[in-house]
PDB file of all heavy atoms in Angstrom:
ATOM      1  N   ARG A   1       0.832  -1.207  -0.001  1.00  0.00           N
ATOM      2  CA  ARG A   1      -0.002   0.000  -0.005  1.00  0.00           C
ATOM      3  C   ARG A   1       0.859   1.254   0.005  1.00  0.00           C
ATOM      4  O   ARG A   1       0.523   2.259  -0.634  1.00  0.00           O
ATOM      5  CB  ARG A   1      -0.934  -0.026   1.212  1.00  0.00           C
ATOM      6  CG  ARG A   1      -2.071  -1.034   1.104  1.00  0.00           C
ATOM      7  CD  ARG A   1      -3.087  -0.846   2.202  1.00  0.00           C
ATOM      8  NE  ARG A   1      -2.544  -1.201   3.503  1.00  0.00           N
ATOM      9  CZ  ARG A   1      -2.537  -2.442   4.006  1.00  0.00           C
ATOM     10  NH1 ARG A   1      -3.036  -3.433   3.308  1.00  0.00           N
ATOM     11  NH2 ARG A   1      -2.054  -2.671   5.213  1.00  0.00           N
ATOM     12  N   ALA A   2       1.988   1.192   0.704  1.00  0.00           N
ATOM     13  CA  ALA A   2       2.866   2.384   0.784  1.00  0.00           C
ATOM     14  C   ALA A   2       3.564   2.656  -0.548  1.00  0.00           C
ATOM     15  O   ALA A   2       3.745   3.815  -0.904  1.00  0.00           O
ATOM     16  CB  ALA A   2       3.918   2.182   1.880  1.00  0.00           C
ATOM     17  N   VAL A   3       3.917   1.605  -1.304  1.00  0.00           N
ATOM     18  CA  VAL A   3       4.685   1.813  -2.540  1.00  0.00           C
ATOM     19  C   VAL A   3       3.767   1.877  -3.757  1.00  0.00           C
ATOM     20  O   VAL A   3       4.272   2.074  -4.871  1.00  0.00           O
ATOM     21  CB  VAL A   3       5.715   0.711  -2.726  1.00  0.00           C
ATOM     22  CG1 VAL A   3       6.683   0.656  -1.556  1.00  0.00           C
ATOM     23  CG2 VAL A   3       5.043  -0.660  -2.930  1.00  0.00           C
ATOM     24  N   ASP A   4       2.477   1.705  -3.578  1.00  0.00           N
ATOM     25  CA  ASP A   4       1.548   1.731  -4.682  1.00  0.00           C
ATOM     26  C   ASP A   4       1.640   3.083  -5.402  1.00  0.00           C
ATOM     27  O   ASP A   4       1.467   4.140  -4.809  1.00  0.00           O
ATOM     28  CB  ASP A   4       0.108   1.484  -4.226  1.00  0.00           C
ATOM     29  CG  ASP A   4      -0.850   1.338  -5.375  1.00  0.00           C
ATOM     30  OD1 ASP A   4      -0.437   0.805  -6.432  1.00  0.00           O
ATOM     31  OD2 ASP A   4      -2.018   1.770  -5.240  1.00  0.00           O
ATOM     32  N   GLY A   5       1.907   3.027  -6.686  1.00  0.00           N
ATOM     33  CA  GLY A   5       2.046   4.256  -7.470  1.00  0.00           C
ATOM     34  C   GLY A   5       3.428   4.867  -7.365  1.00  0.00           C
ATOM     35  O   GLY A   5       3.727   5.820  -8.088  1.00  0.00           O
ATOM     36  N   ARG A   6       4.286   4.351  -6.480  1.00  0.00           N
ATOM     37  CA  ARG A   6       5.646   4.876  -6.343  1.00  0.00           C
ATOM     38  C   ARG A   6       6.675   3.946  -6.985  1.00  0.00           C
ATOM     39  O   ARG A   6       7.657   4.419  -7.528  1.00  0.00           O
ATOM     40  CB  ARG A   6       6.031   5.030  -4.854  1.00  0.00           C
ATOM     41  CG  ARG A   6       4.934   5.569  -3.949  1.00  0.00           C
ATOM     42  CD  ARG A   6       4.592   7.006  -4.223  1.00  0.00           C
ATOM     43  NE  ARG A   6       3.767   7.572  -3.172  1.00  0.00           N
ATOM     44  CZ  ARG A   6       3.139   8.713  -3.266  1.00  0.00           C
ATOM     45  NH1 ARG A   6       3.231   9.451  -4.367  1.00  0.00           N
ATOM     46  NH2 ARG A   6       2.393   9.173  -2.254  1.00  0.00           N
ATOM     47  N   VAL A   7       6.439   2.650  -6.881  1.00  0.00           N
ATOM     48  CA  VAL A   7       7.341   1.653  -7.445  1.00  0.00           C
ATOM     49  C   VAL A   7       6.655   1.008  -8.640  1.00  0.00           C
ATOM     50  O   VAL A   7       5.437   0.727  -8.577  1.00  0.00           O
ATOM     51  CB  VAL A   7       7.683   0.587  -6.373  1.00  0.00           C
ATOM     52  CG1 VAL A   7       8.536  -0.529  -6.991  1.00  0.00           C
ATOM     53  CG2 VAL A   7       8.394   1.247  -5.205  1.00  0.00           C
ATOM     54  N   PRO A   8       7.339   0.766  -9.736  1.00  0.00           N
ATOM     55  CA  PRO A   8       6.725   0.180 -10.937  1.00  0.00           C
ATOM     56  C   PRO A   8       6.017  -1.133 -10.607  1.00  0.00           C
ATOM     57  O   PRO A   8       6.501  -1.941  -9.797  1.00  0.00           O
ATOM     58  CB  PRO A   8       7.905  -0.056 -11.889  1.00  0.00           C
ATOM     59  CG  PRO A   8       8.922   0.976 -11.489  1.00  0.00           C
ATOM     60  CD  PRO A   8       8.766   1.128  -9.983  1.00  0.00           C
ATOM     61  N   ASP A   9       4.879  -1.332 -11.243  1.00  0.00           N
ATOM     62  CA  ASP A   9       4.046  -2.515 -10.974  1.00  0.00           C
ATOM     63  C   ASP A   9       4.791  -3.818 -11.262  1.00  0.00           C
ATOM     64  O   ASP A   9       4.524  -4.820 -10.599  1.00  0.00           O
ATOM     65  CB  ASP A   9       2.750  -2.454 -11.789  1.00  0.00           C
ATOM     66  CG  ASP A   9       1.781  -1.420 -11.244  1.00  0.00           C
ATOM     67  OD1 ASP A   9       1.943  -1.023 -10.077  1.00  0.00           O
ATOM     68  OD2 ASP A   9       0.881  -1.003 -11.988  1.00  0.00           O
ATOM     69  N   ASP A  10       5.687  -3.801 -12.267  1.00  0.00           N
ATOM     70  CA  ASP A  10       6.368  -5.048 -12.609  1.00  0.00           C
ATOM     71  C   ASP A  10       7.300  -5.523 -11.491  1.00  0.00           C
ATOM     72  O   ASP A  10       7.711  -6.688 -11.481  1.00  0.00           O
ATOM     73  CB  ASP A  10       7.132  -4.916 -13.942  1.00  0.00           C
ATOM     74  CG  ASP A  10       8.135  -3.776 -13.887  1.00  0.00           C
ATOM     75  OD1 ASP A  10       8.207  -3.067 -12.878  1.00  0.00           O
ATOM     76  OD2 ASP A  10       8.874  -3.586 -14.880  1.00  0.00           O
ATOM     77  N   ARG A  11       7.633  -4.609 -10.551  1.00  0.00           N
ATOM     78  CA  ARG A  11       8.463  -5.027  -9.422  1.00  0.00           C
ATOM     79  C   ARG A  11       7.624  -5.631  -8.301  1.00  0.00           C
ATOM     80  O   ARG A  11       8.171  -6.220  -7.366  1.00  0.00           O
ATOM     81  CB  ARG A  11       9.239  -3.839  -8.881  1.00  0.00           C
ATOM     82  CG  ARG A  11      10.264  -3.224  -9.806  1.00  0.00           C
ATOM     83  CD  ARG A  11      11.442  -4.157 -10.011  1.00  0.00           C
ATOM     84  NE  ARG A  11      11.998  -4.637  -8.757  1.00  0.00           N
ATOM     85  CZ  ARG A  11      12.925  -3.989  -8.044  1.00  0.00           C
ATOM     86  NH1 ARG A  11      13.343  -2.797  -8.458  1.00  0.00           N
ATOM     87  NH2 ARG A  11      13.402  -4.514  -6.946  1.00  0.00           N
ATOM     88  N   LEU A  12       6.318  -5.440  -8.348  1.00  0.00           N
ATOM     89  CA  LEU A  12       5.466  -5.796  -7.211  1.00  0.00           C
ATOM     90  C   LEU A  12       4.587  -7.007  -7.479  1.00  0.00           C
ATOM     91  O   LEU A  12       3.824  -7.418  -6.617  1.00  0.00           O
ATOM     92  CB  LEU A  12       4.570  -4.603  -6.848  1.00  0.00           C
ATOM     93  CG  LEU A  12       5.297  -3.282  -6.564  1.00  0.00           C
ATOM     94  CD1 LEU A  12       4.278  -2.203  -6.307  1.00  0.00           C
ATOM     95  CD2 LEU A  12       6.215  -3.430  -5.354  1.00  0.00           C
ATOM     96  N   GLY A  13       4.706  -7.592  -8.690  1.00  0.00           N
ATOM     97  CA  GLY A  13       3.815  -8.703  -9.044  1.00  0.00           C
ATOM     98  C   GLY A  13       3.947  -9.869  -8.080  1.00  0.00           C
ATOM     99  O   GLY A  13       2.949 -10.431  -7.619  1.00  0.00           O
ATOM    100  N   ALA A  14       5.174 -10.299  -7.803  1.00  0.00           N
ATOM    101  CA  ALA A  14       5.388 -11.442  -6.926  1.00  0.00           C
ATOM    102  C   ALA A  14       4.852 -11.174  -5.512  1.00  0.00           C
ATOM    103  O   ALA A  14       4.246 -12.057  -4.887  1.00  0.00           O
ATOM    104  CB  ALA A  14       6.873 -11.802  -6.851  1.00  0.00           C
ATOM    105  N   ALA A  15       5.051  -9.965  -5.023  1.00  0.00           N
ATOM    106  CA  ALA A  15       4.583  -9.634  -3.685  1.00  0.00           C
ATOM    107  C   ALA A  15       3.056  -9.657  -3.603  1.00  0.00           C
ATOM    108  O   ALA A  15       2.464 -10.170  -2.652  1.00  0.00           O
ATOM    109  CB  ALA A  15       5.113  -8.263  -3.266  1.00  0.00           C
ATOM    110  N   ARG A  16       2.396  -9.100  -4.603  1.00  0.00           N
ATOM    111  CA  ARG A  16       0.950  -9.076  -4.608  1.00  0.00           C
ATOM    112  C   ARG A  16       0.375 -10.486  -4.729  1.00  0.00           C
ATOM    113  O   ARG A  16      -0.592 -10.852  -4.061  1.00  0.00           O
ATOM    114  CB  ARG A  16       0.442  -8.217  -5.762  1.00  0.00           C
ATOM    115  CG  ARG A  16       0.640  -6.725  -5.519  1.00  0.00           C
ATOM    116  CD  ARG A  16       0.358  -5.896  -6.733  1.00  0.00           C
ATOM    117  NE  ARG A  16       0.412  -4.447  -6.444  1.00  0.00           N
ATOM    118  CZ  ARG A  16       0.634  -3.524  -7.316  1.00  0.00           C
ATOM    119  NH1 ARG A  16       0.829  -3.868  -8.598  1.00  0.00           N
ATOM    120  NH2 ARG A  16       0.698  -2.254  -6.968  1.00  0.00           N
ATOM    121  N   THR A  17       1.022 -11.296  -5.559  1.00  0.00           N
ATOM    122  CA  THR A  17       0.583 -12.693  -5.694  1.00  0.00           C
ATOM    123  C   THR A  17       0.717 -13.427  -4.374  1.00  0.00           C
ATOM    124  O   THR A  17      -0.169 -14.201  -3.975  1.00  0.00           O
ATOM    125  CB  THR A  17       1.389 -13.384  -6.793  1.00  0.00           C
ATOM    126  OG1 THR A  17       1.190 -12.725  -8.041  1.00  0.00           O
ATOM    127  CG2 THR A  17       0.981 -14.842  -6.930  1.00  0.00           C
ATOM    128  N   LEU A  18       1.830 -13.195  -3.678  1.00  0.00           N
ATOM    129  CA  LEU A  18       2.048 -13.874  -2.390  1.00  0.00           C
ATOM    130  C   LEU A  18       1.028 -13.475  -1.366  1.00  0.00           C
ATOM    131  O   LEU A  18       0.507 -14.320  -0.633  1.00  0.00           O
ATOM    132  CB  LEU A  18       3.479 -13.552  -1.901  1.00  0.00           C
ATOM    133  CG  LEU A  18       3.815 -14.122  -0.513  1.00  0.00           C
ATOM    134  CD1 LEU A  18       3.679 -15.644  -0.508  1.00  0.00           C
ATOM    135  CD2 LEU A  18       5.193 -13.711  -0.080  1.00  0.00           C
ATOM    136  N   VAL A  19       0.722 -12.174  -1.273  1.00  0.00           N
ATOM    137  CA  VAL A  19      -0.261 -11.732  -0.292  1.00  0.00           C
ATOM    138  C   VAL A  19      -1.616 -12.406  -0.562  1.00  0.00           C
ATOM    139  O   VAL A  19      -2.280 -12.892   0.383  1.00  0.00           O
ATOM    140  CB  VAL A  19      -0.414 -10.191  -0.360  1.00  0.00           C
ATOM    141  CG1 VAL A  19      -1.653  -9.752   0.443  1.00  0.00           C
ATOM    142  CG2 VAL A  19       0.819  -9.512   0.190  1.00  0.00           C
ATOM    143  N   GLU A  20      -2.000 -12.465  -1.820  1.00  0.00           N
ATOM    144  CA  GLU A  20      -3.269 -13.112  -2.161  1.00  0.00           C
ATOM    145  C   GLU A  20      -3.226 -14.618  -1.873  1.00  0.00           C
ATOM    146  O   GLU A  20      -4.146 -15.179  -1.295  1.00  0.00           O
ATOM    147  CB  GLU A  20      -3.585 -12.870  -3.632  1.00  0.00           C
ATOM    148  CG  GLU A  20      -4.903 -13.467  -4.093  1.00  0.00           C
ATOM    149  CD  GLU A  20      -5.188 -13.209  -5.564  1.00  0.00           C
ATOM    150  OE1 GLU A  20      -4.365 -12.491  -6.198  1.00  0.00           O
ATOM    151  OE2 GLU A  20      -6.192 -13.711  -6.059  1.00  0.00           O
ATOM    152  N   ARG A  21      -2.124 -15.259  -2.323  1.00  0.00           N
ATOM    153  CA  ARG A  21      -2.038 -16.716  -2.123  1.00  0.00           C
ATOM    154  C   ARG A  21      -1.928 -17.084  -0.650  1.00  0.00           C
ATOM    155  O   ARG A  21      -2.577 -18.042  -0.199  1.00  0.00           O
ATOM    156  CB  ARG A  21      -0.796 -17.245  -2.883  1.00  0.00           C
ATOM    157  CG  ARG A  21      -0.521 -18.707  -2.668  1.00  0.00           C
ATOM    158  CD  ARG A  21       0.474 -19.228  -3.662  1.00  0.00           C
ATOM    159  NE  ARG A  21       1.762 -18.552  -3.572  1.00  0.00           N
ATOM    160  CZ  ARG A  21       2.735 -18.940  -2.726  1.00  0.00           C
ATOM    161  NH1 ARG A  21       2.538 -19.940  -1.903  1.00  0.00           N
ATOM    162  NH2 ARG A  21       3.886 -18.316  -2.711  1.00  0.00           N
ATOM    163  N   ALA A  22      -1.144 -16.342   0.109  1.00  0.00           N
ATOM    164  CA  ALA A  22      -0.992 -16.647   1.522  1.00  0.00           C
ATOM    165  C   ALA A  22      -2.325 -16.466   2.259  1.00  0.00           C
ATOM    166  O   ALA A  22      -2.643 -17.279   3.145  1.00  0.00           O
ATOM    167  CB  ALA A  22       0.060 -15.747   2.143  1.00  0.00           C
ATOM    168  N   GLY A  23      -3.075 -15.427   1.903  1.00  0.00           N
ATOM    169  CA  GLY A  23      -4.345 -15.225   2.572  1.00  0.00           C
ATOM    170  C   GLY A  23      -5.292 -16.403   2.360  1.00  0.00           C
ATOM    171  O   GLY A  23      -5.977 -16.831   3.305  1.00  0.00           O
ATOM    172  N   VAL A  24      -5.287 -16.953   1.145  1.00  0.00           N
ATOM    173  CA  VAL A  24      -6.158 -18.094   0.854  1.00  0.00           C
ATOM    174  C   VAL A  24      -5.625 -19.349   1.551  1.00  0.00           C
ATOM    175  O   VAL A  24      -6.409 -20.094   2.180  1.00  0.00           O
ATOM    176  CB  VAL A  24      -6.262 -18.312  -0.660  1.00  0.00           C
ATOM    177  CG1 VAL A  24      -7.090 -19.573  -0.947  1.00  0.00           C
ATOM    178  CG2 VAL A  24      -6.891 -17.089  -1.325  1.00  0.00           C
ATOM    179  N   ARG A  25      -4.313 -19.595   1.448  1.00  0.00           N
ATOM    180  CA  ARG A  25      -3.769 -20.842   2.006  1.00  0.00           C
ATOM    181  C   ARG A  25      -3.949 -20.915   3.510  1.00  0.00           C
ATOM    182  O   ARG A  25      -4.238 -21.984   4.044  1.00  0.00           O
ATOM    183  CB  ARG A  25      -2.259 -20.946   1.646  1.00  0.00           C
ATOM    184  CG  ARG A  25      -1.603 -22.247   2.179  1.00  0.00           C
ATOM    185  CD  ARG A  25      -2.235 -23.458   1.525  1.00  0.00           C
ATOM    186  NE  ARG A  25      -1.746 -24.720   2.052  1.00  0.00           N
ATOM    187  CZ  ARG A  25      -2.288 -25.393   3.038  1.00  0.00           C
ATOM    188  NH1 ARG A  25      -3.401 -24.913   3.636  1.00  0.00           N
ATOM    189  NH2 ARG A  25      -1.805 -26.540   3.412  1.00  0.00           N
ATOM    190  N   LEU A  26      -3.788 -19.799   4.205  1.00  0.00           N
ATOM    191  CA  LEU A  26      -3.905 -19.822   5.660  1.00  0.00           C
ATOM    192  C   LEU A  26      -5.343 -20.011   6.104  1.00  0.00           C
ATOM    193  O   LEU A  26      -5.595 -20.431   7.253  1.00  0.00           O
ATOM    194  CB  LEU A  26      -3.335 -18.531   6.251  1.00  0.00           C
ATOM    195  CG  LEU A  26      -1.804 -18.387   6.124  1.00  0.00           C
ATOM    196  CD1 LEU A  26      -1.361 -17.042   6.643  1.00  0.00           C
ATOM    197  CD2 LEU A  26      -1.068 -19.521   6.851  1.00  0.00           C
ATOM    198  N   LYS A  27      -6.301 -19.717   5.225  1.00  0.00           N
ATOM    199  CA  LYS A  27      -7.717 -19.914   5.558  1.00  0.00           C
ATOM    200  C   LYS A  27      -8.144 -21.363   5.305  1.00  0.00           C
ATOM    201  O   LYS A  27      -9.145 -21.804   5.887  1.00  0.00           O
ATOM    202  CB  LYS A  27      -8.586 -18.957   4.751  1.00  0.00           C
ATOM    203  CG  LYS A  27      -8.455 -17.495   5.162  1.00  0.00           C
ATOM    204  CD  LYS A  27      -9.329 -16.611   4.281  1.00  0.00           C
ATOM    205  CE  LYS A  27      -9.175 -15.143   4.647  1.00  0.00           C
ATOM    206  NZ  LYS A  27      -9.996 -14.257   3.771  1.00  0.00           N
ATOM    207  N   LEU A  28      -7.414 -22.035   4.440  1.00  0.00           N
ATOM    208  CA  LEU A  28      -7.768 -23.419   4.104  1.00  0.00           C
ATOM    209  C   LEU A  28      -7.202 -24.372   5.146  1.00  0.00           C
ATOM    210  O   LEU A  28      -6.552 -23.958   6.112  1.00  0.00           O
ATOM    211  CB  LEU A  28      -7.263 -23.766   2.712  1.00  0.00           C
ATOM    212  CG  LEU A  28      -7.920 -22.970   1.564  1.00  0.00           C
ATOM    213  CD1 LEU A  28      -7.228 -23.267   0.237  1.00  0.00           C
ATOM    214  CD2 LEU A  28      -9.417 -23.326   1.459  1.00  0.00           C
TER     215      LEU A  28
END
């Protein structure tokens, strides 16, 4: 959230994927 719009999106793809994946995996 802090780097949104500050750091290019192509640098943040893995991080965003991890946040989404981790949220789902920990709920399962």
